[in-house]
Protein backbone atom coordinates (compact mmCIF):
# COMPACT_ATOMS: atom_id res chain seq x y z
CA UNK A 1 0.27 18.14 -12.43
CA UNK A 2 2.62 19.93 -9.91
CA UNK A 3 2.03 23.08 -8.85
CA UNK A 4 -1.65 22.51 -9.38
CA UNK A 5 -4.00 24.39 -6.57
CA UNK A 6 -5.79 21.84 -4.58
CA UNK A 7 -7.09 22.46 -0.64
CA UNK A 8 -7.13 20.10 1.87
CA UNK A 9 -10.45 20.57 4.96
CA UNK A 10 -9.23 19.29 7.88
CA UNK A 11 -7.18 19.03 10.25
CA UNK A 12 -6.47 16.02 11.74
CA UNK A 13 -3.56 13.04 11.07
CA UNK A 14 -4.30 12.79 7.26
CA UNK A 15 -5.15 16.13 6.43
CA UNK A 16 -1.83 17.16 7.99
CA UNK A 17 -0.02 13.77 6.45
CA UNK A 18 -1.34 14.65 3.08
CA UNK A 19 -1.11 18.60 3.02
CA UNK A 20 2.87 17.56 4.00
CA UNK A 21 3.58 14.93 1.50
CA UNK A 22 1.33 16.52 -1.55
CA UNK A 23 3.55 19.98 -1.14
CA UNK A 24 6.72 18.03 -1.38
CA UNK A 25 5.57 16.84 -4.00
CA UNK A 26 4.80 20.07 -5.71
CA UNK A 27 1.41 20.87 -5.71
CA UNK A 28 0.28 24.45 -4.20
CA UNK A 29 -1.31 23.18 -1.02
CA UNK A 30 -4.37 25.19 1.30
CA UNK A 31 -4.96 23.91 4.41
CA UNK A 32 -8.43 24.95 5.62
CA UNK A 33 -10.37 24.12 8.89
CA UNK A 34 -13.59 25.19 10.06
CA UNK A 35 -13.38 28.50 12.81
CA UNK A 36 -14.37 26.58 15.73
CA UNK A 37 -11.76 23.59 15.15
CA UNK A 38 -9.18 26.55 14.53
CA UNK A 39 -7.02 25.34 17.18
CA UNK A 40 -6.34 22.16 15.27
CA UNK A 41 -4.23 24.95 13.28
CA UNK A 42 -2.49 26.89 15.99
CA UNK A 43 0.94 24.41 15.54
CA UNK A 44 1.55 25.17 12.32
CA UNK A 45 -0.33 28.57 11.67
CA UNK A 46 2.40 30.63 12.47
CA UNK A 47 5.46 28.79 10.31
CA UNK A 48 2.70 27.17 8.12
CA UNK A 49 5.36 24.11 8.07
CA UNK A 50 5.18 20.33 8.92
CA UNK A 51 7.87 18.04 9.01
CA UNK A 52 7.15 14.50 6.84
CA UNK A 53 8.54 11.13 8.38
CA UNK A 54 8.39 8.00 6.70
CA UNK A 55 7.68 6.11 3.82
CA UNK A 56 6.39 8.77 1.84
CA UNK A 57 9.08 10.83 1.73
CA UNK A 58 11.13 13.44 4.46
CA UNK A 59 11.47 16.60 4.75
CA UNK A 60 10.04 20.14 6.07
CA UNK A 61 6.72 21.13 3.62
CA UNK A 62 5.99 24.69 3.73
CA UNK A 63 2.39 25.03 2.71
CA UNK A 64 1.29 27.64 0.87
CA UNK A 65 -1.97 28.97 3.21
CA UNK A 66 -3.03 27.50 6.49
CA UNK A 67 -6.61 29.52 6.68
CA UNK A 68 -9.96 29.32 8.77
CA UNK A 69 -11.55 31.22 6.32
CA UNK A 70 -13.83 29.00 3.87
CA UNK A 71 -14.51 31.26 1.36
CA UNK A 72 -11.11 32.14 0.99
CA UNK A 73 -9.79 29.03 -0.02
CA UNK A 74 -12.25 28.17 -2.16
CA UNK A 75 -11.37 30.62 -4.37
CA UNK A 76 -7.83 29.30 -4.32
CA UNK A 77 -8.38 25.75 -5.40
CA UNK A 78 -10.84 24.07 -7.48
CA UNK A 79 -9.95 20.52 -6.52
CA UNK A 80 -11.17 20.24 -2.66
CA UNK A 81 -9.80 16.89 -0.72
CA UNK A 82 -12.57 16.32 2.38
CA UNK A 83 -10.72 15.09 4.90
CA UNK A 84 -12.08 14.61 8.63
CA UNK A 85 -14.34 12.16 10.06
CA UNK A 86 -17.68 11.38 8.89
CA UNK A 87 -19.25 13.42 11.12
CA UNK A 88 -17.60 16.68 10.14
CA UNK A 89 -18.54 16.02 6.83
CA UNK A 90 -21.84 17.92 6.89
CA UNK A 91 -20.48 20.57 8.59
CA UNK A 92 -17.96 21.41 5.99
CA UNK A 93 -20.52 20.75 3.69
CA UNK A 94 -22.75 23.87 5.05
CA UNK A 95 -19.73 26.02 5.13
CA UNK A 96 -18.31 25.20 1.34
CA UNK A 97 -21.98 25.05 -0.66
CA UNK A 98 -22.78 28.39 -0.29
CA UNK A 99 -18.87 29.26 -2.25
CA UNK A 100 -19.21 26.57 -4.41
CA UNK A 101 -19.75 26.13 -8.09
CA UNK A 102 -19.70 24.00 -11.37
CA UNK A 103 -15.68 24.12 -11.06
CA UNK A 104 -15.26 22.62 -8.46
CA UNK A 105 -14.93 19.03 -7.22
CA UNK A 106 -14.75 17.69 -3.58
CA UNK A 107 -13.55 14.49 -2.97
CA UNK A 108 -14.41 13.22 0.58
CA UNK A 109 -11.66 10.69 2.04
CA UNK A 110 -12.81 8.22 2.62
CA UNK A 111 -16.50 9.26 2.66
CA UNK A 112 -18.76 5.94 4.09
CA UNK A 113 -21.75 7.33 1.98
CA UNK A 114 -21.08 10.44 2.70
CA UNK A 115 -21.12 12.14 -1.00
CA UNK A 116 -24.58 11.31 -1.69
CA UNK A 117 -25.16 13.45 1.62
CA UNK A 118 -23.01 16.22 -0.01
CA UNK A 119 -25.14 15.75 -3.04
CA UNK A 120 -28.89 16.13 -1.34
CA UNK A 121 -27.61 19.31 -0.08
CA UNK A 122 -26.12 20.92 -3.09
CA UNK A 123 -29.66 20.15 -4.93
CA UNK A 124 -31.42 21.67 -1.97
CA UNK A 125 -28.42 24.94 -2.54
CA UNK A 126 -29.86 25.14 -6.29
CA UNK A 127 -25.85 24.59 -6.76
CA UNK A 128 -23.47 22.32 -9.22
CA UNK A 129 -20.29 20.34 -8.39
CA UNK A 130 -18.79 16.99 -9.38
CA UNK A 131 -18.74 14.89 -6.35
CA UNK A 132 -16.31 11.49 -5.59
CA UNK A 133 -15.12 10.00 -2.48
CA UNK A 134 -12.50 7.18 -1.53
CA UNK A 135 -12.91 3.79 0.32
CA UNK A 136 -10.45 4.08 2.81
CA UNK A 137 -7.53 6.75 3.48
CA UNK A 138 -5.02 7.49 1.86
CA UNK A 139 -2.31 6.58 3.87
CA UNK A 140 -1.53 4.74 7.54
CA UNK A 141 -0.46 7.59 9.17
CA UNK A 142 -0.23 9.42 12.78
CA UNK A 143 0.67 13.13 13.69
CA UNK A 144 3.40 12.49 16.21
CA UNK A 145 3.71 15.94 17.23
CA UNK A 146 1.63 19.04 16.75
CA UNK A 147 3.54 19.96 13.61
CA UNK A 148 4.98 16.64 12.75
CA UNK A 149 3.23 13.70 10.84
CA UNK A 150 4.25 9.85 9.83
CA UNK A 151 3.45 7.88 7.22
CA UNK A 152 3.78 4.34 7.67
CA UNK A 153 1.77 2.83 4.31
CA UNK A 154 0.36 4.09 1.24
CA UNK A 155 -2.25 2.83 0.16
CA UNK A 156 -1.86 1.75 -3.63
CA UNK A 157 -4.57 0.77 -4.64
CA UNK A 158 -7.32 3.44 -3.59
CA UNK A 159 -10.84 3.22 -4.17
CA UNK A 160 -12.90 5.98 -5.49
CA UNK A 161 -16.05 6.10 -6.83
CA UNK A 162 -17.69 9.57 -8.92
CA UNK A 163 -20.98 11.47 -8.03
CA UNK A 164 -22.66 11.74 -10.76
CA UNK A 165 -21.12 8.14 -12.31
CA UNK A 166 -20.75 9.86 -15.54
CA UNK A 167 -17.64 12.09 -13.98
CA UNK A 168 -15.30 9.00 -13.44
CA UNK A 169 -12.96 9.49 -15.62
CA UNK A 170 -12.69 13.35 -14.84
CA UNK A 171 -12.44 12.28 -11.42
CA UNK A 172 -9.79 9.74 -11.64
CA UNK A 173 -7.83 11.69 -14.04
CA UNK A 174 -7.41 15.05 -11.22
CA UNK A 175 -6.85 12.39 -8.67
CA UNK A 176 -4.52 10.07 -10.47
CA UNK A 177 -1.42 12.49 -10.19
CA UNK A 178 -1.90 12.56 -6.46
CA UNK A 179 -2.90 9.11 -6.01
CA UNK A 180 -1.28 6.77 -8.34
CA UNK A 181 -2.68 3.35 -8.85
CA UNK A 182 -6.31 3.85 -8.30
CA UNK A 183 -9.05 1.64 -8.35
CA UNK A 184 -12.46 2.89 -10.01
CA UNK A 185 -15.62 1.66 -8.20
CA UNK A 186 -18.76 1.81 -10.59
CA UNK A 187 -20.25 5.04 -8.86
CA UNK A 188 -19.97 6.41 -5.03
CA UNK A 189 -22.50 4.29 -3.71
CA UNK A 190 -20.66 1.01 -4.59
CA UNK A 191 -17.56 2.94 -3.16
CA UNK A 192 -19.57 3.82 0.25
CA UNK A 193 -20.40 -0.32 -0.03
CA UNK A 194 -16.68 -0.59 -0.20
CA UNK A 195 -15.34 1.19 3.30
CA UNK A 196 -12.98 -0.80 4.90
CA UNK A 197 -13.11 0.76 8.78
CA UNK A 198 -16.72 -0.37 9.36
CA UNK A 199 -15.66 -3.63 8.24
CA UNK A 200 -13.24 -4.12 10.74
CA UNK A 201 -12.89 -1.79 13.15
CA UNK A 202 -15.95 -1.96 15.10
CA UNK A 203 -15.46 -5.68 15.54
CA UNK A 204 -12.21 -5.37 16.37
CA UNK A 205 -12.51 -2.98 19.17
CA UNK A 206 -15.81 -4.18 20.94
CA UNK A 207 -13.89 -8.03 21.14
CA UNK A 208 -10.88 -6.39 22.26
CA UNK A 209 -12.98 -3.75 25.16
CA UNK A 210 -11.78 -4.79 27.72
CA UNK A 211 -7.90 -4.80 27.31
CA UNK A 212 -8.65 -1.42 25.45
CA UNK A 213 -9.98 -0.04 28.67
CA UNK A 214 -7.91 -1.47 30.86
CA UNK A 215 -4.40 -0.84 28.92
CA UNK A 216 -5.55 2.42 27.44
CA UNK A 217 -4.82 0.74 24.41
CA UNK A 218 -1.44 -0.11 24.82
CA UNK A 219 -0.76 -2.93 22.24
CA UNK A 220 -0.73 -3.45 18.43
CA UNK A 221 -4.89 -3.61 17.35
CA UNK A 222 -4.07 -5.45 14.28
CA UNK A 223 -1.26 -7.33 15.21
CA UNK A 224 -2.24 -8.97 18.54
CA UNK A 225 -6.18 -7.57 18.74
CA UNK A 226 -7.39 -9.07 15.44
CA UNK A 227 -7.11 -12.62 16.37
CA UNK A 228 -8.63 -15.86 14.65
CA UNK A 229 -11.88 -15.23 16.25
CA UNK A 230 -12.03 -11.75 15.55
CA UNK A 231 -11.70 -12.26 12.13
CA UNK A 232 -14.26 -14.66 11.44
CA UNK A 233 -16.67 -12.22 12.86
CA UNK A 234 -15.15 -9.50 10.74
CA UNK A 235 -15.47 -12.07 7.84
CA UNK A 236 -19.71 -12.41 9.12
CA UNK A 237 -19.72 -8.12 8.57
CA UNK A 238 -18.30 -8.99 5.48
CA UNK A 239 -20.61 -11.50 3.95
CA UNK A 240 -23.67 -9.09 4.91
CA UNK A 241 -21.78 -6.06 3.34
CA UNK A 242 -21.12 -7.62 0.58
CA UNK A 243 -25.13 -9.07 0.42
CA UNK A 244 -25.57 -5.46 0.44
CA UNK A 245 -23.81 -4.74 -2.65
CA UNK A 246 -25.58 -7.55 -4.19
CA UNK A 247 -29.28 -6.43 -4.17
CA UNK A 248 -27.34 -2.89 -5.83
CA UNK A 249 -25.85 -5.33 -8.89
CA UNK A 250 -22.64 -4.92 -7.48
CA UNK A 251 -20.40 -7.66 -7.04
CA UNK A 252 -17.50 -6.40 -4.19
CA UNK A 253 -14.47 -7.63 -3.36
CA UNK A 254 -14.19 -9.40 -0.34
CA UNK A 255 -12.32 -7.86 2.81
CA UNK A 256 -9.53 -9.85 2.38
CA UNK A 257 -9.29 -9.25 -1.78
CA UNK A 258 -9.87 -5.60 -1.14
CA UNK A 259 -6.94 -4.91 1.66
CA UNK A 260 -4.35 -7.15 -0.43
CA UNK A 261 -5.32 -4.38 -3.79
CA UNK A 262 -5.52 -1.34 -2.12
CA UNK A 263 -1.09 -2.43 -0.81
CA UNK A 264 -2.35 -3.69 2.87
CA UNK A 265 -1.03 -6.90 3.18
CA UNK A 266 0.00 -9.97 1.09
CA UNK A 267 -2.80 -11.88 -0.68
CA UNK A 268 -4.27 -14.27 0.94
CA UNK A 269 -6.91 -14.64 3.74
CA UNK A 270 -7.77 -11.83 6.40
CA UNK A 271 -5.24 -12.98 8.97
CA UNK A 272 -2.70 -13.26 5.86
CA UNK A 273 -3.19 -10.09 4.68
CA UNK A 274 -3.15 -8.31 8.12
CA UNK A 275 -0.27 -10.37 9.92
CA UNK A 276 1.84 -9.71 6.65
CA UNK A 277 1.08 -6.19 6.64
CA UNK A 278 4.11 -3.97 7.26
CA UNK A 279 1.53 -0.66 7.97
CA UNK A 280 -1.25 -2.55 10.00
CA UNK A 281 0.66 -4.13 12.38
CA UNK A 282 2.66 -0.80 13.35
CA UNK A 283 -0.65 0.37 14.61
CA UNK A 284 -1.95 0.63 18.50
CA UNK A 285 -4.91 0.27 19.26
CA UNK A 286 -7.26 3.05 20.00
CA UNK A 287 -6.57 4.79 24.04
CA UNK A 288 -10.36 4.74 24.76
CA UNK A 289 -13.74 3.24 23.87
CA UNK A 290 -14.70 6.97 22.68
CA UNK A 291 -12.52 6.42 19.65
CA UNK A 292 -14.08 7.38 16.32
CA UNK A 293 -13.52 3.25 15.44
CA UNK A 294 -16.52 3.40 17.59
CA UNK A 295 -18.01 6.61 17.01
CA UNK A 296 -18.06 7.16 13.30
CA UNK A 297 -17.59 3.85 12.10
CA UNK A 298 -20.34 2.17 13.95
CA UNK A 299 -23.06 5.19 13.19
CA UNK A 300 -21.83 6.17 9.60
CA UNK A 301 -20.75 2.40 8.76
CA UNK A 302 -23.07 -0.24 10.14
CA UNK A 303 -25.98 0.70 10.94
CA UNK A 304 -26.27 3.24 7.64
CA UNK A 305 -26.14 -0.81 5.96
CA UNK A 306 -28.12 -1.98 8.33
CA UNK A 307 -30.82 0.97 7.10
CA UNK A 308 -30.11 0.14 3.27
CA UNK A 309 -29.98 -3.69 4.02
CA UNK A 310 -33.64 -3.27 6.12
CA UNK A 311 -35.19 -0.84 2.72
CA UNK A 312 -33.55 -3.71 0.19
CA UNK A 313 -34.43 -7.14 2.16
CA UNK A 314 -30.71 -7.78 2.85
CA UNK A 315 -30.56 -9.93 6.66
CA UNK A 316 -27.72 -8.08 8.56
CA UNK A 317 -27.76 -10.02 11.88
CA UNK A 318 -24.34 -9.90 12.89
CA UNK A 319 -24.04 -5.80 12.26
CA UNK A 320 -27.54 -5.70 14.26
CA UNK A 321 -25.47 -7.32 16.78
CA UNK A 322 -22.65 -4.91 16.93
CA UNK A 323 -24.97 -1.97 16.91
CA UNK A 324 -26.51 -3.12 19.66
CA UNK A 325 -23.48 -3.69 21.61
CA UNK A 326 -22.67 0.08 20.53
CA UNK A 327 -25.70 0.90 21.87
CA UNK A 328 -25.61 -1.21 25.57
CA UNK A 329 -21.39 0.55 25.73
CA UNK A 330 -23.27 3.66 25.75
CA UNK A 331 -26.07 3.01 28.45
CA UNK A 332 -23.12 1.82 30.73
CA UNK A 333 -21.45 5.63 30.13
CA UNK A 334 -18.61 3.89 27.91
CA UNK A 335 -19.66 5.84 24.81
CA UNK A 336 -21.93 8.97 24.56
CA UNK A 337 -23.45 11.13 21.81
CA UNK A 338 -25.69 13.84 22.11
CA UNK A 339 -27.25 15.79 19.39
CA UNK A 340 -28.81 19.42 20.25
CA UNK A 341 -32.83 18.85 19.79
CA UNK A 342 -32.37 22.59 18.85
CA UNK A 343 -30.53 22.10 16.12
CA UNK A 344 -33.02 19.41 14.83
CA UNK A 345 -36.01 21.37 15.34
CA UNK A 346 -34.29 23.80 12.62
CA UNK A 347 -33.15 20.11 10.70
CA UNK A 348 -36.74 19.08 11.04
CA UNK A 349 -35.24 15.89 12.11
CA UNK A 350 -37.15 12.99 14.11
CA UNK A 351 -35.29 11.71 17.75
CA UNK A 352 -37.20 8.74 17.09
CA UNK A 353 -35.16 8.25 13.54
CA UNK A 354 -31.84 8.58 15.97
CA UNK A 355 -30.18 5.45 16.31
CA UNK A 356 -29.89 3.48 19.58
CA UNK A 357 -26.93 5.15 20.92
CA UNK A 358 -27.48 8.33 20.31
CA UNK A 359 -29.07 10.39 22.58
CA UNK A 360 -30.55 14.14 22.38
CA UNK A 361 -29.60 17.69 24.63
CA UNK A 362 -32.62 19.83 24.68
CA UNK A 363 -31.32 23.79 25.47
CA UNK A 364 -28.92 24.24 22.17
CA UNK A 365 -25.66 26.58 22.85
CA UNK A 366 -26.13 26.89 26.76
CA UNK A 367 -26.52 23.55 26.61
CA UNK A 368 -23.52 22.86 24.46
CA UNK A 369 -21.66 24.71 25.77
CA UNK A 370 -22.01 23.40 29.83
CA UNK A 371 -21.39 20.10 28.63
CA UNK A 372 -18.18 21.11 26.69
CA UNK A 373 -16.73 22.83 30.24
CA UNK A 374 -18.06 20.98 32.35
CA UNK A 375 -18.16 17.49 31.52
CA UNK A 376 -15.28 17.23 28.73
CA UNK A 377 -17.58 16.51 26.05
CA UNK A 378 -16.01 17.06 22.15
CA UNK A 379 -18.23 19.16 20.56
CA UNK A 380 -18.40 18.95 16.31
């Protein structure tokens, strides 16, 4: 459905790649970032162009609109693709919900159960919109320059779940022209439990922690880092994930089959799927242990699944071990996540319910400024 107006929320690797790819295919794209992250869009703000390379096409994409005005962006398009880390999903919800109407469809890419939080916030605000999430990013890609993106692989079987589930066919109809070959999950919960990153990334990063710190990520993560021993731990995590799914009545695909269905690699065990993957074997490891492969995939992936498992009586000892190991890295200063106590009070959140690797800071905006300017924290 070329010429359809679509709003992409976010300014990172995948947001740039999707914006460029869809623009070159004839879609009218608005690229929108939150004002506090306006710097993400600065390299393209003046000319509104992104140079695209790779398997999804080559060319200079002229983006229709580049803005930090959420109201403007949502007025133009009713299909919103939220392409941000999990920890940025709530800030975008807070910014978008005042302007959402029933005509809007919001797709979290990927979601990792984030659609459930959006749904709760919509109910609280007395608003309605169609929600959906996908189980992995649509492309294997990176920004290869401030105004350039390269796509090494296209996910050919993107998994999608709708909320409410009765909107499944409507979601399919809107998204299939953008991402052909989608596989529909029964609902958003099944999709969130099918997210691949939390299965693979935490185990792979933690078991390669020394090499990552020593080389600053200068090795091929999947080809060199995901060895047979690492694969065995990943598959143990996957067994626990699928057990949680069975508690809900879902028959979730094993991660190796999901990798094959998505087009990442050949059919076979996980070792075969990864080592036979053109797109995955080209990816280098994260440059440090502060990568979102831990700071996102542990608290918003593994820790969330552990919590769900406890509620439904499903044991998750391997997941819990990885979560606890991430907590120990925090204690040693390798990964540090802090939440503002003033903000927590405004949200009626109890610090005792935070994951063990998440700390708090007491002083609100002044402490945030100090941490950002003096200690080089990242604020989101």
